[in-house]
C-alpha atoms as a PDB file:
ATOM      1  CA  MET A   1      13.123 110.444  17.206  1.00  0.00           C
ATOM      2  CA  VAL A   2      15.728 108.503  15.069  1.00  0.00           C
ATOM      3  CA  GLY A   3      13.865 106.089  12.727  1.00  0.00           C
ATOM      4  CA  ILE A   4      15.257 102.628  12.432  1.00  0.00           C
ATOM      5  CA  LEU A   5      15.401 100.412   9.295  1.00  0.00           C
ATOM      6  CA  LEU A   6      16.377  96.792   9.480  1.00  0.00           C
ATOM      7  CA  MET A   7      17.752  95.630   5.999  1.00  0.00           C
ATOM      8  CA  THR A   8      18.342  91.761   6.225  1.00  0.00           C
ATOM      9  CA  HIS A   9      18.312  88.604   4.462  1.00  0.00           C
ATOM     10  CA  ALA A  10      14.843  86.982   4.722  1.00  0.00           C
ATOM     11  CA  PRO A  11      13.325  86.449   7.351  1.00  0.00           C
ATOM     12  CA  LEU A  12      15.768  87.997   9.984  1.00  0.00           C
ATOM     13  CA  GLY A  13      14.399  91.557   9.786  1.00  0.00           C
ATOM     14  CA  SER A  14      10.855  90.461  10.527  1.00  0.00           C
ATOM     15  CA  ALA A  15      12.175  88.182  13.383  1.00  0.00           C
ATOM     16  CA  PHE A  16      13.946  91.143  14.992  1.00  0.00           C
ATOM     17  CA  LEU A  17      10.783  93.187  14.768  1.00  0.00           C
ATOM     18  CA  GLN A  18       8.917  90.450  16.602  1.00  0.00           C
ATOM     19  CA  ALA A  19      11.589  90.196  19.291  1.00  0.00           C
ATOM     20  CA  ALA A  20      11.644  93.878  19.846  1.00  0.00           C
ATOM     21  CA  ALA A  21       7.827  94.060  20.183  1.00  0.00           C
ATOM     22  CA  HIS A  22       8.093  91.193  22.705  1.00  0.00           C
ATOM     23  CA  VAL A  23      10.749  92.997  24.766  1.00  0.00           C
ATOM     24  CA  PHE A  24       9.060  96.422  24.566  1.00  0.00           C
ATOM     25  CA  ARG A  25       5.466  94.972  24.970  1.00  0.00           C
ATOM     26  CA  GLY A  26       4.350  96.422  21.575  1.00  0.00           C
ATOM     27  CA  MET A  27       5.805  97.416  18.262  1.00  0.00           C
ATOM     28  CA  PRO A  28       8.057 100.396  18.721  1.00  0.00           C
ATOM     29  CA  GLU A  29       7.180 103.272  16.358  1.00  0.00           C
ATOM     30  CA  ARG A  30       9.116 104.337  13.397  1.00  0.00           C
ATOM     31  CA  LEU A  31      10.679 100.933  13.068  1.00  0.00           C
ATOM     32  CA  GLU A  32      10.597  98.834   9.780  1.00  0.00           C
ATOM     33  CA  ALA A  33      12.172  95.813   8.326  1.00  0.00           C
ATOM     34  CA  ILE A  34      12.882  94.842   4.635  1.00  0.00           C
ATOM     35  CA  ASP A  35      13.479  91.250   4.354  1.00  0.00           C
ATOM     36  CA  VAL A  36      15.485  90.699   1.052  1.00  0.00           C
ATOM     37  CA  VAL A  37      14.787  87.308  -0.661  1.00  0.00           C
ATOM     38  CA  ALA A  38      17.161  85.483  -2.787  1.00  0.00           C
ATOM     39  CA  ASP A  39      17.647  86.692  -6.307  1.00  0.00           C
ATOM     40  CA  GLN A  40      15.669  89.928  -5.582  1.00  0.00           C
ATOM     41  CA  ASN A  41      16.398  92.715  -7.973  1.00  0.00           C
ATOM     42  CA  THR A  42      18.996  95.113  -6.298  1.00  0.00           C
ATOM     43  CA  ASP A  43      17.547  98.079  -7.960  1.00  0.00           C
ATOM     44  CA  ASP A  44      14.063  97.123  -6.317  1.00  0.00           C
ATOM     45  CA  VAL A  45      15.685  96.557  -2.946  1.00  0.00           C
ATOM     46  CA  HIS A  46      17.397  99.972  -3.087  1.00  0.00           C
ATOM     47  CA  LYS A  47      14.198 101.728  -4.033  1.00  0.00           C
ATOM     48  CA  LEU A  48      12.271  99.981  -1.137  1.00  0.00           C
ATOM     49  CA  ALA A  49      15.063 101.105   1.337  1.00  0.00           C
ATOM     50  CA  ALA A  50      15.013 104.664  -0.100  1.00  0.00           C
ATOM     51  CA  ASP A  51      11.339 104.857   0.307  1.00  0.00           C
ATOM     52  CA  ALA A  52      11.519 103.503   3.781  1.00  0.00           C
ATOM     53  CA  VAL A  53      14.226 105.995   4.770  1.00  0.00           C
ATOM     54  CA  GLN A  54      12.034 108.856   3.682  1.00  0.00           C
ATOM     55  CA  ARG A  55       9.006 107.462   5.611  1.00  0.00           C
ATOM     56  CA  LEU A  56      11.091 107.031   8.733  1.00  0.00           C
ATOM     57  CA  ASN A  57      13.073 110.302   8.786  1.00  0.00           C
ATOM     58  CA  ASP A  58      11.324 113.110  10.780  1.00  0.00           C
ATOM     59  CA  GLY A  59      14.362 115.220  10.461  1.00  0.00           C
ATOM     60  CA  THR A  60      16.404 113.596  13.149  1.00  0.00           C
ATOM     61  CA  GLY A  61      17.880 110.848  10.867  1.00  0.00           C
ATOM     62  CA  VAL A  62      17.600 107.105  10.231  1.00  0.00           C
ATOM     63  CA  LEU A  63      19.810 104.269  11.461  1.00  0.00           C
ATOM     64  CA  VAL A  64      19.825 101.434   8.967  1.00  0.00           C
ATOM     65  CA  MET A  65      20.908  98.109  10.466  1.00  0.00           C
ATOM     66  CA  THR A  66      21.784  95.229   8.160  1.00  0.00           C
ATOM     67  CA  ASP A  67      22.926  91.744   8.965  1.00  0.00           C
ATOM     68  CA  MET A  68      26.266  91.450   7.262  1.00  0.00           C
ATOM     69  CA  MET A  69      28.624  93.526   5.204  1.00  0.00           C
ATOM     70  CA  GLY A  70      28.840  92.678   1.608  1.00  0.00           C
ATOM     71  CA  GLY A  71      25.559  91.010   1.300  1.00  0.00           C
ATOM     72  CA  THR A  72      22.706  92.377  -0.883  1.00  0.00           C
ATOM     73  CA  PRO A  73      21.004  94.104   1.841  1.00  0.00           C
ATOM     74  CA  SER A  74      23.971  96.149   2.972  1.00  0.00           C
ATOM     75  CA  ASN A  75      25.172  96.792  -0.635  1.00  0.00           C
ATOM     76  CA  CYS A  76      21.674  98.406  -1.365  1.00  0.00           C
ATOM     77  CA  CYS A  77      22.381 100.700   1.488  1.00  0.00           C
ATOM     78  CA  ARG A  78      25.427 102.527   0.274  1.00  0.00           C
ATOM     79  CA  SER A  79      23.605 105.581  -1.137  1.00  0.00           C
ATOM     80  CA  LEU A  80      20.478 106.146   0.792  1.00  0.00           C
ATOM     81  CA  GLY A  81      20.823 109.942   1.318  1.00  0.00           C
ATOM     82  CA  ASP A  82      22.572 112.507   3.280  1.00  0.00           C
ATOM     83  CA  PRO A  83      25.239 110.837   5.579  1.00  0.00           C
ATOM     84  CA  ASP A  84      24.314 113.292   8.136  1.00  0.00           C
ATOM     85  CA  GLN A  85      20.737 111.843   7.993  1.00  0.00           C
ATOM     86  CA  VAL A  86      21.428 108.177   7.278  1.00  0.00           C
ATOM     87  CA  ALA A  87      23.784 105.860   9.082  1.00  0.00           C
ATOM     88  CA  VAL A  88      24.297 102.224   8.233  1.00  0.00           C
ATOM     89  CA  ILE A  89      25.857  99.678  10.413  1.00  0.00           C
ATOM     90  CA  ALA A  90      26.328  96.003   9.701  1.00  0.00           C
ATOM     91  CA  GLY A  91      26.275  93.001  12.040  1.00  0.00           C
ATOM     92  CA  ILE A  92      22.889  93.444  13.676  1.00  0.00           C
ATOM     93  CA  SER A  93      22.151  91.484  16.936  1.00  0.00           C
ATOM     94  CA  LEU A  94      19.165  91.779  19.334  1.00  0.00           C
ATOM     95  CA  PRO A  95      21.304  93.607  22.014  1.00  0.00           C
ATOM     96  CA  MET A  96      22.315  96.046  19.245  1.00  0.00           C
ATOM     97  CA  LEU A  97      18.716  96.801  18.135  1.00  0.00           C
ATOM     98  CA  LEU A  98      17.463  97.018  21.803  1.00  0.00           C
ATOM     99  CA  ARG A  99      20.192  99.520  22.491  1.00  0.00           C
ATOM    100  CA  ALA A 100      19.448 101.561  19.475  1.00  0.00           C
ATOM    101  CA  LEU A 101      15.796 101.608  20.309  1.00  0.00           C
ATOM    102  CA  THR A 102      16.402 102.646  23.977  1.00  0.00           C
ATOM    103  CA  TYR A 103      18.688 105.590  22.931  1.00  0.00           C
ATOM    104  CA  ARG A 104      16.844 106.855  19.613  1.00  0.00           C
ATOM    105  CA  HIS A 105      15.641 110.053  21.272  1.00  0.00           C
ATOM    106  CA  ASP A 106      19.442 111.273  21.090  1.00  0.00           C
ATOM    107  CA  ALA A 107      21.163 112.438  18.009  1.00  0.00           C
ATOM    108  CA  LEU A 108      21.806 110.019  15.220  1.00  0.00           C
ATOM    109  CA  ASP A 109      25.571 109.806  15.970  1.00  0.00           C
ATOM    110  CA  VAL A 110      24.758 108.816  19.448  1.00  0.00           C
ATOM    111  CA  VAL A 111      22.293 106.214  18.499  1.00  0.00           C
ATOM    112  CA  VAL A 112      24.891 104.719  16.114  1.00  0.00           C
ATOM    113  CA  GLU A 113      27.541 104.606  19.003  1.00  0.00           C
ATOM    114  CA  MET A 114      25.112 103.045  21.566  1.00  0.00           C
ATOM    115  CA  ALA A 115      23.936 100.480  19.093  1.00  0.00           C
ATOM    116  CA  LEU A 116      27.613  99.497  18.319  1.00  0.00           C
ATOM    117  CA  ALA A 117      28.364  99.214  21.978  1.00  0.00           C
ATOM    118  CA  GLY A 118      25.147  97.105  22.437  1.00  0.00           C
ATOM    119  CA  GLY A 119      26.501  94.744  19.867  1.00  0.00           C
ATOM    120  CA  GLN A 120      29.950  94.579  21.350  1.00  0.00           C
ATOM    121  CA  ASN A 121      29.002  94.168  24.833  1.00  0.00           C
ATOM    122  CA  GLY A 122      25.977  91.835  24.021  1.00  0.00           C
ATOM    123  CA  ALA A 123      28.369  89.090  22.697  1.00  0.00           C
ATOM    124  CA  LEU A 124      29.696  87.165  25.678  1.00  0.00           C
ATOM    125  CA  ARG A 125      30.762  83.621  26.302  1.00  0.00           C
ATOM    126  CA  ILE A 126      28.676  81.885  29.008  1.00  0.00           C
ATOM    127  CA  ASP A 127      30.370  79.507  31.334  1.00  0.00           C
ATOM    128  CA  CYS A 128      28.035  76.527  31.480  1.00  0.00           C
ATOM    129  CA  ARG A 129      30.199  74.880  34.197  1.00  0.00           C
ATOM    130  CA  THR A 130      29.043  77.109  36.888  1.00  0.00           C
ATOM    131  CA  ARG A 131      25.730  76.569  38.459  1.00  0.00           C
ATOM    132  CA  ILE A 132      23.483  79.413  39.498  1.00  0.00           C
END
């Protein structure tokens, strides 16, 4: 099962963990978050991420999801290991995370594609003029 690591600006990762636990009625296994705080040493953040990737990888790989490209959390994910074993995507959303969790028994590249599709399909404009 693909492990999932959330690397975000604090406190987003922890909030996503709580939301996932709410939706799945319990904390999904092999899911962790690292909440990066302001002015945190980037070497320390990279070490935390590398250690988490090792913990989460059972040989099927790890998907690292970060909140935005170019921030400290994503910058610290650039060299976390073998690209066949670690994939990083930016722009996490709840639909993206839930889709990744749902498909994590597939291969890493499939989980990445499903997560991206969840993020793209999960962003919709709601017409507030229509009554249900």
